[in-house]
Amino acid sequence: MKYAPHLEPCPLPYSPFKSCTVPRPIGWLSSVSAAGIENIAPYSQWQNLTFDPPMVMFAANRYPDGRRKDTVLNAEETGWFVWNMATYALRDAVNISAMALPPEESEFDHLNVTKVYADNYRVPMVAESPCKFECRYLNTHTQRGASAVGTVDIVFAQVEMIHINDQVIRPNGRLDIAAIEPIARMGYFDYAVIRDTFEMRVPGADGAARAGLEGRS
């Protein structure tokens, strides 16, 4: 089976595109508007860009009527947002926060989580999330799609503060990912949880490459 998605309809009853690019990390992003309305929402098009300095990005599809997502607007207005790691224990809160609410209503009012605030700007963070990044807004690139909902605002940011819960740090200084149980987005209505990990080392990698892969550079 093959098809050209820009020329012909998908021959399957469900598009395989999102189910092939898996698993995708979840950008559970909290922000605040210039007016003080707090917001949190999950984005499945989220990723790190580089590590020196650490930079990240997320892509937010627009609404069918062309409106932009609150997280994008808040980041542009205030210059800040926070990434909260989504875990299996927090899965229900992550799912509830995906509801489409009017901009004057806060998703936090519907969640059973504890709010704490970032150091650099008064952005709410989820205390129960074991890892959090305070992200300083850099710029937005808009990529036009074939429809309003296919258009994405791609936001780039630099990580200015990293918060890690001491309880998820192993004695060797590495994160205990199996204990954290991060969740990831799949296709359809599916998610995955990370409980098993394995290690592979690149054959012939020099010392600088090994240090970079291990996180020492």
N, C-alpha and C. Protein backbone atom coordinates (compact mmCIF):
# COMPACT_ATOMS: atom_id res chain seq x y z
N MET A 1 0.85 -1.18 0.00
CA MET A 1 0.00 0.00 0.00
C MET A 1 0.89 1.23 0.00
N LYS A 2 0.60 2.18 -0.88
CA LYS A 2 1.26 3.47 -0.85
C LYS A 2 0.32 4.51 -1.43
N TYR A 3 0.52 5.76 -1.00
CA TYR A 3 -0.32 6.84 -1.52
C TYR A 3 0.41 8.16 -1.33
N ALA A 4 0.08 9.14 -2.14
CA ALA A 4 0.65 10.48 -2.05
C ALA A 4 -0.36 11.36 -1.31
N PRO A 5 -0.10 11.71 -0.04
CA PRO A 5 -1.12 12.39 0.76
C PRO A 5 -1.51 13.77 0.25
N HIS A 6 -0.64 14.41 -0.57
CA HIS A 6 -1.00 15.73 -1.09
C HIS A 6 -1.79 15.64 -2.39
N LEU A 7 -1.95 14.40 -2.92
CA LEU A 7 -2.63 14.24 -4.20
C LEU A 7 -3.88 13.36 -4.12
N GLU A 8 -3.92 12.44 -3.17
CA GLU A 8 -5.01 11.48 -3.14
C GLU A 8 -5.42 11.18 -1.70
N PRO A 9 -6.66 10.75 -1.51
CA PRO A 9 -7.10 10.43 -0.15
C PRO A 9 -6.42 9.17 0.37
N CYS A 10 -6.35 9.06 1.69
CA CYS A 10 -5.75 7.88 2.31
C CYS A 10 -6.61 6.66 2.00
N PRO A 11 -6.02 5.55 1.52
CA PRO A 11 -6.81 4.36 1.22
C PRO A 11 -7.26 3.59 2.46
N LEU A 12 -6.71 3.95 3.63
CA LEU A 12 -7.12 3.30 4.87
C LEU A 12 -8.21 4.13 5.55
N PRO A 13 -9.01 3.52 6.38
CA PRO A 13 -10.07 4.29 7.07
C PRO A 13 -9.51 5.28 8.09
N TYR A 14 -8.26 5.05 8.54
CA TYR A 14 -7.60 5.97 9.48
C TYR A 14 -6.21 6.29 8.95
N SER A 15 -5.84 7.56 8.95
CA SER A 15 -4.53 7.95 8.44
C SER A 15 -3.42 7.32 9.28
N PRO A 16 -2.40 6.74 8.62
CA PRO A 16 -1.31 6.11 9.37
C PRO A 16 -0.21 7.09 9.77
N PHE A 17 -0.30 8.36 9.34
CA PHE A 17 0.82 9.28 9.52
C PHE A 17 1.23 9.42 10.97
N LYS A 18 0.30 9.79 11.85
CA LYS A 18 0.65 9.99 13.26
C LYS A 18 1.01 8.67 13.95
N SER A 19 0.53 7.55 13.41
CA SER A 19 0.82 6.25 14.01
C SER A 19 2.17 5.71 13.57
N CYS A 20 2.80 6.36 12.59
CA CYS A 20 4.15 5.96 12.18
C CYS A 20 5.21 6.77 12.92
N THR A 21 4.94 8.02 13.18
CA THR A 21 5.91 8.86 13.88
C THR A 21 5.66 8.74 15.39
N VAL A 22 6.08 7.59 15.93
CA VAL A 22 5.82 7.28 17.35
C VAL A 22 7.06 6.64 17.97
N PRO A 23 7.16 6.70 19.29
CA PRO A 23 6.35 7.52 20.19
C PRO A 23 6.82 8.97 20.17
N ARG A 24 5.89 9.89 20.44
CA ARG A 24 6.23 11.31 20.43
C ARG A 24 6.19 11.84 21.86
N PRO A 25 7.24 12.57 22.30
CA PRO A 25 7.20 13.15 23.64
C PRO A 25 6.09 14.18 23.74
N ILE A 26 5.54 14.30 24.92
CA ILE A 26 4.43 15.22 25.15
C ILE A 26 4.95 16.52 25.74
N GLY A 27 4.61 17.62 25.09
CA GLY A 27 4.92 18.93 25.65
C GLY A 27 3.75 19.39 26.50
N TRP A 28 3.80 19.06 27.78
CA TRP A 28 2.73 19.52 28.69
C TRP A 28 3.13 20.90 29.15
N LEU A 29 2.58 21.92 28.50
CA LEU A 29 3.10 23.27 28.61
C LEU A 29 2.16 24.16 29.42
N SER A 30 2.72 24.77 30.44
CA SER A 30 1.97 25.73 31.24
C SER A 30 2.45 27.14 30.91
N SER A 31 1.52 28.08 30.97
CA SER A 31 1.82 29.47 30.62
C SER A 31 0.83 30.38 31.33
N VAL A 32 1.02 31.66 31.16
CA VAL A 32 0.10 32.64 31.73
C VAL A 32 -0.03 33.79 30.74
N SER A 33 -1.22 34.33 30.63
CA SER A 33 -1.45 35.45 29.73
C SER A 33 -0.99 36.74 30.38
N ALA A 34 -0.88 37.78 29.58
CA ALA A 34 -0.51 39.09 30.13
C ALA A 34 -1.54 39.57 31.13
N ALA A 35 -2.79 39.09 30.98
CA ALA A 35 -3.87 39.47 31.90
C ALA A 35 -3.88 38.61 33.16
N GLY A 36 -3.01 37.59 33.24
CA GLY A 36 -2.91 36.76 34.43
C GLY A 36 -3.70 35.47 34.39
N ILE A 37 -4.29 35.10 33.25
CA ILE A 37 -5.02 33.83 33.13
C ILE A 37 -4.02 32.70 32.93
N GLU A 38 -4.06 31.70 33.83
CA GLU A 38 -3.12 30.59 33.77
C GLU A 38 -3.65 29.49 32.86
N ASN A 39 -2.73 28.85 32.14
CA ASN A 39 -3.09 27.88 31.12
C ASN A 39 -2.15 26.69 31.18
N ILE A 40 -2.68 25.51 30.87
CA ILE A 40 -1.82 24.34 30.69
C ILE A 40 -2.48 23.44 29.66
N ALA A 41 -1.68 22.89 28.74
CA ALA A 41 -2.21 22.05 27.66
C ALA A 41 -1.10 21.14 27.14
N PRO A 42 -1.46 19.93 26.68
CA PRO A 42 -0.47 19.01 26.12
C PRO A 42 -0.32 19.21 24.61
N TYR A 43 0.93 19.15 24.16
CA TYR A 43 1.24 19.23 22.72
C TYR A 43 2.09 18.02 22.36
N SER A 44 1.69 17.29 21.33
CA SER A 44 2.42 16.08 20.95
C SER A 44 3.45 16.36 19.87
N GLN A 45 3.59 17.61 19.46
CA GLN A 45 4.62 17.99 18.50
C GLN A 45 5.61 18.89 19.25
N TRP A 46 6.43 18.24 20.07
CA TRP A 46 7.35 18.90 20.99
C TRP A 46 8.69 18.18 20.94
N GLN A 47 9.78 18.94 21.00
CA GLN A 47 11.09 18.28 20.91
C GLN A 47 12.19 19.23 21.36
N ASN A 48 13.35 18.64 21.74
CA ASN A 48 14.54 19.44 21.98
C ASN A 48 15.23 19.72 20.65
N LEU A 49 15.94 20.85 20.58
CA LEU A 49 16.63 21.24 19.35
C LEU A 49 18.13 21.05 19.47
N THR A 50 18.71 21.52 20.56
CA THR A 50 20.14 21.40 20.80
C THR A 50 20.36 21.49 22.30
N PHE A 51 21.63 21.31 22.71
CA PHE A 51 21.90 21.21 24.14
C PHE A 51 22.90 22.25 24.64
N ASP A 52 23.48 23.07 23.76
CA ASP A 52 24.50 24.02 24.18
C ASP A 52 24.29 25.37 23.51
N PRO A 53 23.38 26.22 24.03
CA PRO A 53 22.57 26.03 25.23
C PRO A 53 21.34 25.17 24.91
N PRO A 54 20.67 24.62 25.94
CA PRO A 54 19.49 23.80 25.66
C PRO A 54 18.35 24.62 25.07
N MET A 55 17.87 24.18 23.92
CA MET A 55 16.75 24.83 23.25
C MET A 55 15.68 23.80 22.92
N VAL A 56 14.43 24.25 22.85
CA VAL A 56 13.29 23.37 22.59
C VAL A 56 12.36 24.03 21.58
N MET A 57 11.41 23.24 21.09
CA MET A 57 10.39 23.77 20.19
C MET A 57 9.09 23.01 20.39
N PHE A 58 7.99 23.66 20.04
CA PHE A 58 6.72 22.94 19.92
C PHE A 58 5.93 23.55 18.78
N ALA A 59 5.12 22.71 18.15
CA ALA A 59 4.29 23.15 17.03
C ALA A 59 2.83 23.02 17.44
N ALA A 60 2.09 24.12 17.32
CA ALA A 60 0.69 24.16 17.73
C ALA A 60 -0.20 24.39 16.52
N ASN A 61 -0.98 23.38 16.18
CA ASN A 61 -1.94 23.55 15.09
C ASN A 61 -2.99 24.59 15.47
N ARG A 62 -3.43 25.35 14.50
CA ARG A 62 -4.46 26.35 14.76
C ARG A 62 -5.83 25.70 14.81
N TYR A 63 -6.80 26.41 15.35
CA TYR A 63 -8.18 25.92 15.37
C TYR A 63 -8.77 25.97 13.95
N PRO A 64 -9.82 25.23 13.70
CA PRO A 64 -10.43 25.24 12.35
C PRO A 64 -10.85 26.62 11.86
N ASP A 65 -11.14 27.53 12.79
CA ASP A 65 -11.52 28.89 12.38
C ASP A 65 -10.31 29.81 12.25
N GLY A 66 -9.10 29.26 12.42
CA GLY A 66 -7.89 30.04 12.24
C GLY A 66 -7.31 30.64 13.50
N ARG A 67 -8.01 30.52 14.64
CA ARG A 67 -7.49 31.07 15.89
C ARG A 67 -6.22 30.34 16.31
N ARG A 68 -5.30 31.07 16.96
CA ARG A 68 -4.07 30.50 17.46
C ARG A 68 -4.25 30.01 18.89
N LYS A 69 -3.44 29.02 19.27
CA LYS A 69 -3.55 28.42 20.60
C LYS A 69 -3.10 29.41 21.68
N ASP A 70 -3.73 29.28 22.86
CA ASP A 70 -3.42 30.17 23.97
C ASP A 70 -1.95 30.09 24.38
N THR A 71 -1.36 28.89 24.34
CA THR A 71 0.03 28.74 24.75
C THR A 71 0.95 29.58 23.88
N VAL A 72 0.68 29.60 22.58
CA VAL A 72 1.49 30.40 21.66
C VAL A 72 1.36 31.88 21.99
N LEU A 73 0.13 32.33 22.15
CA LEU A 73 -0.11 33.74 22.45
C LEU A 73 0.52 34.14 23.78
N ASN A 74 0.38 33.28 24.79
CA ASN A 74 0.94 33.59 26.10
C ASN A 74 2.47 33.68 26.06
N ALA A 75 3.09 32.74 25.35
CA ALA A 75 4.55 32.75 25.24
C ALA A 75 5.02 34.03 24.55
N GLU A 76 4.31 34.44 23.52
CA GLU A 76 4.69 35.66 22.81
C GLU A 76 4.46 36.90 23.67
N GLU A 77 3.38 36.90 24.45
CA GLU A 77 3.05 38.07 25.26
C GLU A 77 4.00 38.24 26.46
N THR A 78 4.28 37.15 27.15
CA THR A 78 5.05 37.23 28.40
C THR A 78 6.52 36.88 28.22
N GLY A 79 6.82 36.11 27.16
CA GLY A 79 8.20 35.69 26.93
C GLY A 79 8.60 34.42 27.65
N TRP A 80 7.61 33.70 28.26
CA TRP A 80 7.94 32.50 29.03
C TRP A 80 6.86 31.44 28.92
N PHE A 81 7.25 30.18 29.09
CA PHE A 81 6.34 29.07 29.35
C PHE A 81 7.15 27.98 30.04
N VAL A 82 6.47 26.97 30.57
CA VAL A 82 7.13 25.88 31.29
C VAL A 82 6.72 24.54 30.70
N TRP A 83 7.71 23.67 30.50
CA TRP A 83 7.43 22.28 30.14
C TRP A 83 7.40 21.45 31.41
N ASN A 84 6.31 20.69 31.58
CA ASN A 84 6.14 19.77 32.70
C ASN A 84 6.16 18.34 32.16
N MET A 85 7.02 17.49 32.67
CA MET A 85 7.05 16.11 32.15
C MET A 85 5.74 15.40 32.46
N ALA A 86 5.14 14.81 31.44
CA ALA A 86 3.89 14.06 31.60
C ALA A 86 4.22 12.61 31.97
N THR A 87 3.65 12.15 33.07
CA THR A 87 3.93 10.80 33.55
C THR A 87 2.65 9.98 33.63
N TYR A 88 2.85 8.67 33.82
CA TYR A 88 1.68 7.78 33.91
C TYR A 88 0.80 8.17 35.09
N ALA A 89 1.40 8.56 36.20
CA ALA A 89 0.62 8.96 37.37
C ALA A 89 -0.21 10.21 37.11
N LEU A 90 0.24 11.04 36.17
CA LEU A 90 -0.45 12.30 35.87
C LEU A 90 -1.28 12.22 34.60
N ARG A 91 -1.49 11.01 34.07
CA ARG A 91 -2.13 10.86 32.76
C ARG A 91 -3.54 11.47 32.72
N ASP A 92 -4.32 11.32 33.78
CA ASP A 92 -5.68 11.86 33.78
C ASP A 92 -5.65 13.39 33.72
N ALA A 93 -4.74 14.00 34.46
CA ALA A 93 -4.62 15.46 34.43
C ALA A 93 -4.18 15.94 33.05
N VAL A 94 -3.24 15.21 32.44
CA VAL A 94 -2.80 15.56 31.09
C VAL A 94 -3.97 15.52 30.12
N ASN A 95 -4.78 14.48 30.21
CA ASN A 95 -5.91 14.32 29.31
C ASN A 95 -6.97 15.40 29.52
N ILE A 96 -7.28 15.71 30.77
CA ILE A 96 -8.27 16.75 31.06
C ILE A 96 -7.79 18.11 30.56
N SER A 97 -6.48 18.36 30.68
CA SER A 97 -5.96 19.66 30.27
C SER A 97 -5.99 19.86 28.76
N ALA A 98 -6.29 18.81 28.01
CA ALA A 98 -6.40 18.92 26.55
C ALA A 98 -7.75 19.50 26.12
N MET A 99 -8.67 19.68 27.04
CA MET A 99 -9.98 20.23 26.70
C MET A 99 -9.82 21.63 26.09
N ALA A 100 -10.65 21.92 25.10
CA ALA A 100 -10.66 23.25 24.49
C ALA A 100 -11.54 24.17 25.34
N LEU A 101 -10.91 25.07 26.07
CA LEU A 101 -11.62 26.00 26.94
C LEU A 101 -11.48 27.42 26.40
N PRO A 102 -12.41 28.30 26.73
CA PRO A 102 -12.25 29.70 26.33
C PRO A 102 -11.02 30.30 26.99
N PRO A 103 -10.38 31.29 26.37
CA PRO A 103 -9.12 31.83 26.90
C PRO A 103 -9.23 32.45 28.28
N GLU A 104 -10.44 32.84 28.69
CA GLU A 104 -10.60 33.44 30.02
C GLU A 104 -10.76 32.39 31.12
N GLU A 105 -10.73 31.10 30.78
CA GLU A 105 -10.90 30.03 31.76
C GLU A 105 -9.60 29.24 31.87
N SER A 106 -9.19 28.91 33.09
CA SER A 106 -7.94 28.20 33.31
C SER A 106 -8.16 26.70 33.44
N GLU A 107 -7.35 25.93 32.71
CA GLU A 107 -7.41 24.47 32.82
C GLU A 107 -7.05 24.00 34.22
N PHE A 108 -6.21 24.76 34.92
CA PHE A 108 -5.81 24.37 36.27
C PHE A 108 -7.01 24.23 37.21
N ASP A 109 -8.07 24.97 36.92
CA ASP A 109 -9.27 24.89 37.77
C ASP A 109 -9.95 23.53 37.67
N HIS A 110 -9.61 22.74 36.66
CA HIS A 110 -10.23 21.43 36.45
C HIS A 110 -9.30 20.29 36.84
N LEU A 111 -8.09 20.60 37.30
CA LEU A 111 -7.09 19.57 37.58
C LEU A 111 -6.86 19.39 39.07
N ASN A 112 -6.61 18.16 39.46
CA ASN A 112 -6.27 17.85 40.85
C ASN A 112 -4.74 17.76 40.97
N VAL A 113 -4.09 18.91 40.78
CA VAL A 113 -2.64 18.99 40.89
C VAL A 113 -2.28 20.19 41.76
N THR A 114 -1.03 20.19 42.21
CA THR A 114 -0.53 21.28 43.04
C THR A 114 0.25 22.26 42.18
N LYS A 115 -0.07 23.53 42.29
CA LYS A 115 0.65 24.55 41.53
C LYS A 115 1.81 25.10 42.33
N VAL A 116 2.95 25.22 41.67
CA VAL A 116 4.08 25.99 42.18
C VAL A 116 4.47 26.94 41.06
N TYR A 117 5.34 27.89 41.35
CA TYR A 117 5.62 28.91 40.34
C TYR A 117 7.09 28.95 39.96
N ALA A 118 7.33 29.25 38.69
CA ALA A 118 8.67 29.29 38.14
C ALA A 118 9.49 30.41 38.76
N ASP A 119 10.80 30.28 38.66
CA ASP A 119 11.70 31.27 39.24
C ASP A 119 11.80 32.54 38.40
N ASN A 120 11.83 32.38 37.07
CA ASN A 120 12.12 33.52 36.20
C ASN A 120 10.91 34.40 35.91
N TYR A 121 9.74 33.80 35.89
CA TYR A 121 8.50 34.54 35.61
C TYR A 121 7.38 33.78 36.29
N ARG A 122 6.32 34.45 36.70
CA ARG A 122 5.27 33.79 37.48
C ARG A 122 4.38 32.91 36.58
N VAL A 123 5.00 31.84 36.09
CA VAL A 123 4.29 30.82 35.32
C VAL A 123 3.98 29.64 36.23
N PRO A 124 2.75 29.14 36.26
CA PRO A 124 2.44 28.00 37.12
C PRO A 124 3.11 26.73 36.59
N MET A 125 3.51 25.87 37.52
CA MET A 125 4.09 24.58 37.18
C MET A 125 3.37 23.50 37.99
N VAL A 126 3.41 22.27 37.50
CA VAL A 126 2.79 21.14 38.19
C VAL A 126 3.81 20.56 39.17
N ALA A 127 3.56 20.72 40.46
CA ALA A 127 4.51 20.26 41.47
C ALA A 127 4.75 18.77 41.38
N GLU A 128 3.72 17.99 41.04
CA GLU A 128 3.85 16.53 41.00
C GLU A 128 4.66 16.05 39.79
N SER A 129 4.90 16.90 38.81
CA SER A 129 5.71 16.52 37.66
C SER A 129 7.17 16.48 38.08
N PRO A 130 7.90 15.38 37.82
CA PRO A 130 9.25 15.25 38.37
C PRO A 130 10.32 16.08 37.67
N CYS A 131 10.05 16.52 36.44
CA CYS A 131 11.04 17.29 35.68
C CYS A 131 10.33 18.46 34.99
N LYS A 132 10.91 19.65 35.11
CA LYS A 132 10.28 20.84 34.55
C LYS A 132 11.35 21.75 33.96
N PHE A 133 11.03 22.37 32.82
CA PHE A 133 11.93 23.33 32.19
C PHE A 133 11.25 24.70 32.16
N GLU A 134 11.95 25.72 32.63
CA GLU A 134 11.49 27.09 32.42
C GLU A 134 12.05 27.56 31.08
N CYS A 135 11.16 27.88 30.15
CA CYS A 135 11.55 28.16 28.77
C CYS A 135 11.33 29.63 28.43
N ARG A 136 12.40 30.28 27.97
CA ARG A 136 12.31 31.68 27.54
C ARG A 136 12.04 31.74 26.05
N TYR A 137 10.95 32.38 25.69
CA TYR A 137 10.51 32.47 24.29
C TYR A 137 11.57 33.15 23.42
N LEU A 138 11.83 32.57 22.24
CA LEU A 138 12.75 33.16 21.28
C LEU A 138 12.01 33.74 20.08
N ASN A 139 11.26 32.89 19.37
CA ASN A 139 10.54 33.37 18.19
C ASN A 139 9.52 32.34 17.75
N THR A 140 8.67 32.75 16.82
CA THR A 140 7.63 31.88 16.25
C THR A 140 7.78 31.84 14.74
N HIS A 141 7.73 30.64 14.18
CA HIS A 141 7.69 30.46 12.73
C HIS A 141 6.34 29.84 12.37
N THR A 142 5.60 30.48 11.49
CA THR A 142 4.30 29.95 11.07
C THR A 142 4.46 29.20 9.75
N GLN A 143 4.06 27.94 9.76
CA GLN A 143 4.10 27.11 8.56
C GLN A 143 2.67 26.90 8.08
N ARG A 144 2.36 27.45 6.91
CA ARG A 144 1.00 27.37 6.38
C ARG A 144 0.67 25.96 5.92
N GLY A 145 -0.51 25.51 6.26
CA GLY A 145 -0.99 24.21 5.81
C GLY A 145 -2.02 24.34 4.72
N ALA A 146 -2.61 23.23 4.33
CA ALA A 146 -3.64 23.25 3.29
C ALA A 146 -4.98 23.71 3.85
N SER A 147 -5.06 23.87 5.15
CA SER A 147 -6.28 24.33 5.81
C SER A 147 -5.88 25.13 7.04
N ALA A 148 -6.85 25.76 7.67
CA ALA A 148 -6.55 26.51 8.89
C ALA A 148 -6.00 25.59 9.97
N VAL A 149 -6.61 24.43 10.15
CA VAL A 149 -6.16 23.52 11.19
C VAL A 149 -4.84 22.85 10.82
N GLY A 150 -4.51 22.85 9.54
CA GLY A 150 -3.22 22.31 9.10
C GLY A 150 -2.08 23.29 9.25
N THR A 151 -2.40 24.54 9.54
CA THR A 151 -1.39 25.57 9.76
C THR A 151 -0.85 25.47 11.19
N VAL A 152 0.47 25.54 11.33
CA VAL A 152 1.08 25.41 12.65
C VAL A 152 1.94 26.62 12.98
N ASP A 153 1.89 27.01 14.25
CA ASP A 153 2.80 28.00 14.80
C ASP A 153 3.90 27.24 15.54
N ILE A 154 5.13 27.34 15.06
CA ILE A 154 6.26 26.63 15.65
C ILE A 154 7.01 27.60 16.55
N VAL A 155 7.00 27.31 17.82
CA VAL A 155 7.58 28.20 18.82
C VAL A 155 8.94 27.65 19.26
N PHE A 156 9.94 28.52 19.24
CA PHE A 156 11.29 28.16 19.67
C PHE A 156 11.61 28.87 20.98
N ALA A 157 12.30 28.16 21.88
CA ALA A 157 12.60 28.72 23.20
C ALA A 157 13.91 28.17 23.71
N GLN A 158 14.49 28.89 24.66
CA GLN A 158 15.72 28.46 25.33
C GLN A 158 15.41 28.11 26.77
N VAL A 159 15.93 26.98 27.23
CA VAL A 159 15.68 26.53 28.60
C VAL A 159 16.60 27.29 29.55
N GLU A 160 16.00 28.04 30.48
CA GLU A 160 16.76 28.88 31.39
C GLU A 160 16.85 28.31 32.80
N MET A 161 15.98 27.38 33.14
CA MET A 161 16.04 26.75 34.47
C MET A 161 15.47 25.34 34.35
N ILE A 162 16.17 24.36 34.95
CA ILE A 162 15.74 22.97 34.95
C ILE A 162 15.47 22.54 36.38
N HIS A 163 14.27 22.00 36.63
CA HIS A 163 13.88 21.51 37.96
C HIS A 163 13.78 19.98 37.90
N ILE A 164 14.47 19.29 38.78
CA ILE A 164 14.40 17.83 38.86
C ILE A 164 14.09 17.43 40.30
N ASN A 165 13.08 16.58 40.48
CA ASN A 165 12.77 16.04 41.80
C ASN A 165 13.91 15.10 42.22
N ASP A 166 14.50 15.36 43.39
CA ASP A 166 15.63 14.54 43.86
C ASP A 166 15.29 13.06 43.95
N GLN A 167 14.04 12.73 44.17
CA GLN A 167 13.64 11.33 44.34
C GLN A 167 13.77 10.50 43.07
N VAL A 168 13.88 11.15 41.89
CA VAL A 168 13.98 10.40 40.63
C VAL A 168 15.42 10.37 40.12
N ILE A 169 16.37 10.81 40.95
CA ILE A 169 17.79 10.78 40.57
C ILE A 169 18.45 9.56 41.21
N ARG A 170 19.06 8.72 40.38
CA ARG A 170 19.75 7.55 40.90
C ARG A 170 21.05 7.95 41.61
N PRO A 171 21.63 7.04 42.40
CA PRO A 171 22.91 7.33 43.05
C PRO A 171 24.03 7.67 42.06
N ASN A 172 23.94 7.15 40.83
CA ASN A 172 24.98 7.45 39.84
C ASN A 172 24.76 8.79 39.13
N GLY A 173 23.70 9.51 39.53
CA GLY A 173 23.46 10.83 38.96
C GLY A 173 22.58 10.85 37.72
N ARG A 174 22.10 9.70 37.29
CA ARG A 174 21.21 9.64 36.13
C ARG A 174 19.75 9.60 36.57
N LEU A 175 18.87 10.04 35.67
CA LEU A 175 17.44 9.96 35.98
C LEU A 175 16.96 8.52 35.92
N ASP A 176 16.07 8.17 36.83
CA ASP A 176 15.49 6.83 36.86
C ASP A 176 14.20 6.87 36.02
N ILE A 177 14.37 6.74 34.71
CA ILE A 177 13.24 6.88 33.78
C ILE A 177 12.19 5.80 34.01
N ALA A 178 12.62 4.59 34.32
CA ALA A 178 11.65 3.51 34.55
C ALA A 178 10.77 3.82 35.75
N ALA A 179 11.33 4.47 36.76
CA ALA A 179 10.53 4.85 37.94
C ALA A 179 9.64 6.05 37.65
N ILE A 180 10.12 6.96 36.81
CA ILE A 180 9.33 8.15 36.45
C ILE A 180 8.09 7.76 35.63
N GLU A 181 8.24 6.80 34.74
CA GLU A 181 7.17 6.35 33.84
C GLU A 181 6.61 7.50 32.98
N PRO A 182 7.45 8.11 32.14
CA PRO A 182 6.92 9.14 31.23
C PRO A 182 5.94 8.51 30.25
N ILE A 183 4.97 9.30 29.82
CA ILE A 183 4.05 8.84 28.79
C ILE A 183 4.36 9.56 27.49
N ALA A 184 4.01 8.92 26.38
CA ALA A 184 4.26 9.46 25.05
C ALA A 184 3.01 9.31 24.20
N ARG A 185 2.90 10.15 23.22
CA ARG A 185 1.73 10.13 22.32
C ARG A 185 1.95 9.15 21.19
N MET A 186 0.95 8.38 20.90
CA MET A 186 0.96 7.48 19.75
C MET A 186 -0.03 8.02 18.72
N GLY A 187 -0.59 7.15 17.88
CA GLY A 187 -1.64 7.58 16.95
C GLY A 187 -3.01 7.29 17.54
N TYR A 188 -4.06 7.68 16.77
CA TYR A 188 -5.43 7.43 17.19
C TYR A 188 -5.67 8.02 18.59
N PHE A 189 -6.20 7.24 19.52
CA PHE A 189 -6.37 7.71 20.90
C PHE A 189 -5.35 7.04 21.84
N ASP A 190 -4.27 6.54 21.27
CA ASP A 190 -3.35 5.69 22.02
C ASP A 190 -2.17 6.47 22.60
N TYR A 191 -1.70 5.99 23.75
CA TYR A 191 -0.51 6.51 24.41
C TYR A 191 0.39 5.33 24.78
N ALA A 192 1.64 5.63 25.09
CA ALA A 192 2.57 4.60 25.56
C ALA A 192 3.19 5.08 26.86
N VAL A 193 3.69 4.12 27.66
CA VAL A 193 4.38 4.47 28.90
C VAL A 193 5.74 3.78 28.89
N ILE A 194 6.77 4.50 29.33
CA ILE A 194 8.12 3.94 29.35
C ILE A 194 8.38 3.33 30.71
N ARG A 195 8.57 2.01 30.72
CA ARG A 195 8.93 1.30 31.95
C ARG A 195 10.20 0.48 31.76
N ASP A 196 10.49 0.10 30.53
CA ASP A 196 11.68 -0.71 30.23
C ASP A 196 12.62 0.11 29.35
N THR A 197 13.88 0.12 29.70
CA THR A 197 14.89 0.81 28.89
C THR A 197 16.07 -0.13 28.66
N PHE A 198 16.82 0.12 27.60
CA PHE A 198 18.04 -0.65 27.35
C PHE A 198 19.10 0.30 26.80
N GLU A 199 20.33 -0.10 26.88
CA GLU A 199 21.45 0.75 26.50
C GLU A 199 22.15 0.19 25.26
N MET A 200 22.54 1.07 24.34
CA MET A 200 23.39 0.72 23.21
C MET A 200 24.46 1.80 23.08
N ARG A 201 25.70 1.39 22.87
CA ARG A 201 26.79 2.33 22.71
C ARG A 201 27.29 2.28 21.27
N VAL A 202 27.54 3.45 20.67
CA VAL A 202 27.94 3.54 19.27
C VAL A 202 29.36 2.98 19.11
N PRO A 203 29.53 1.98 18.24
CA PRO A 203 30.87 1.42 18.05
C PRO A 203 31.84 2.48 17.50
N GLY A 204 33.03 2.52 18.07
CA GLY A 204 34.07 3.40 17.55
C GLY A 204 33.92 4.86 17.90
N ALA A 205 32.94 5.23 18.73
CA ALA A 205 32.76 6.63 19.09
C ALA A 205 33.95 7.12 19.92
N ASP A 206 34.45 8.33 19.61
CA ASP A 206 35.57 8.85 20.37
C ASP A 206 35.10 9.40 21.72
N GLY A 207 36.04 9.88 22.52
CA GLY A 207 35.69 10.32 23.86
C GLY A 207 34.71 11.46 23.89
N ALA A 208 34.86 12.42 22.97
CA ALA A 208 33.95 13.57 22.93
C ALA A 208 32.55 13.13 22.55
N ALA A 209 32.45 12.22 21.58
CA ALA A 209 31.13 11.72 21.17
C ALA A 209 30.47 10.93 22.28
N ARG A 210 31.23 10.10 22.98
CA ARG A 210 30.66 9.33 24.09
C ARG A 210 30.18 10.26 25.20
N ALA A 211 31.00 11.28 25.49
CA ALA A 211 30.60 12.23 26.54
C ALA A 211 29.34 12.97 26.16
N GLY A 212 29.21 13.33 24.89
CA GLY A 212 28.01 14.02 24.44
C GLY A 212 26.77 13.17 24.53
N LEU A 213 26.89 11.91 24.12
CA LEU A 213 25.75 11.00 24.18
C LEU A 213 25.36 10.71 25.62
N GLU A 214 26.33 10.65 26.50
CA GLU A 214 26.05 10.37 27.90
C GLU A 214 25.54 11.59 28.65
N GLY A 215 25.74 12.78 28.05
CA GLY A 215 25.30 13.99 28.70
C GLY A 215 26.38 14.67 29.53
N ARG A 216 27.63 14.32 29.27
CA ARG A 216 28.72 14.91 30.05
C ARG A 216 29.30 16.16 29.40
N SER A 217 28.98 16.41 28.12
CA SER A 217 29.58 17.58 27.47
C SER A 217 28.64 18.76 27.53
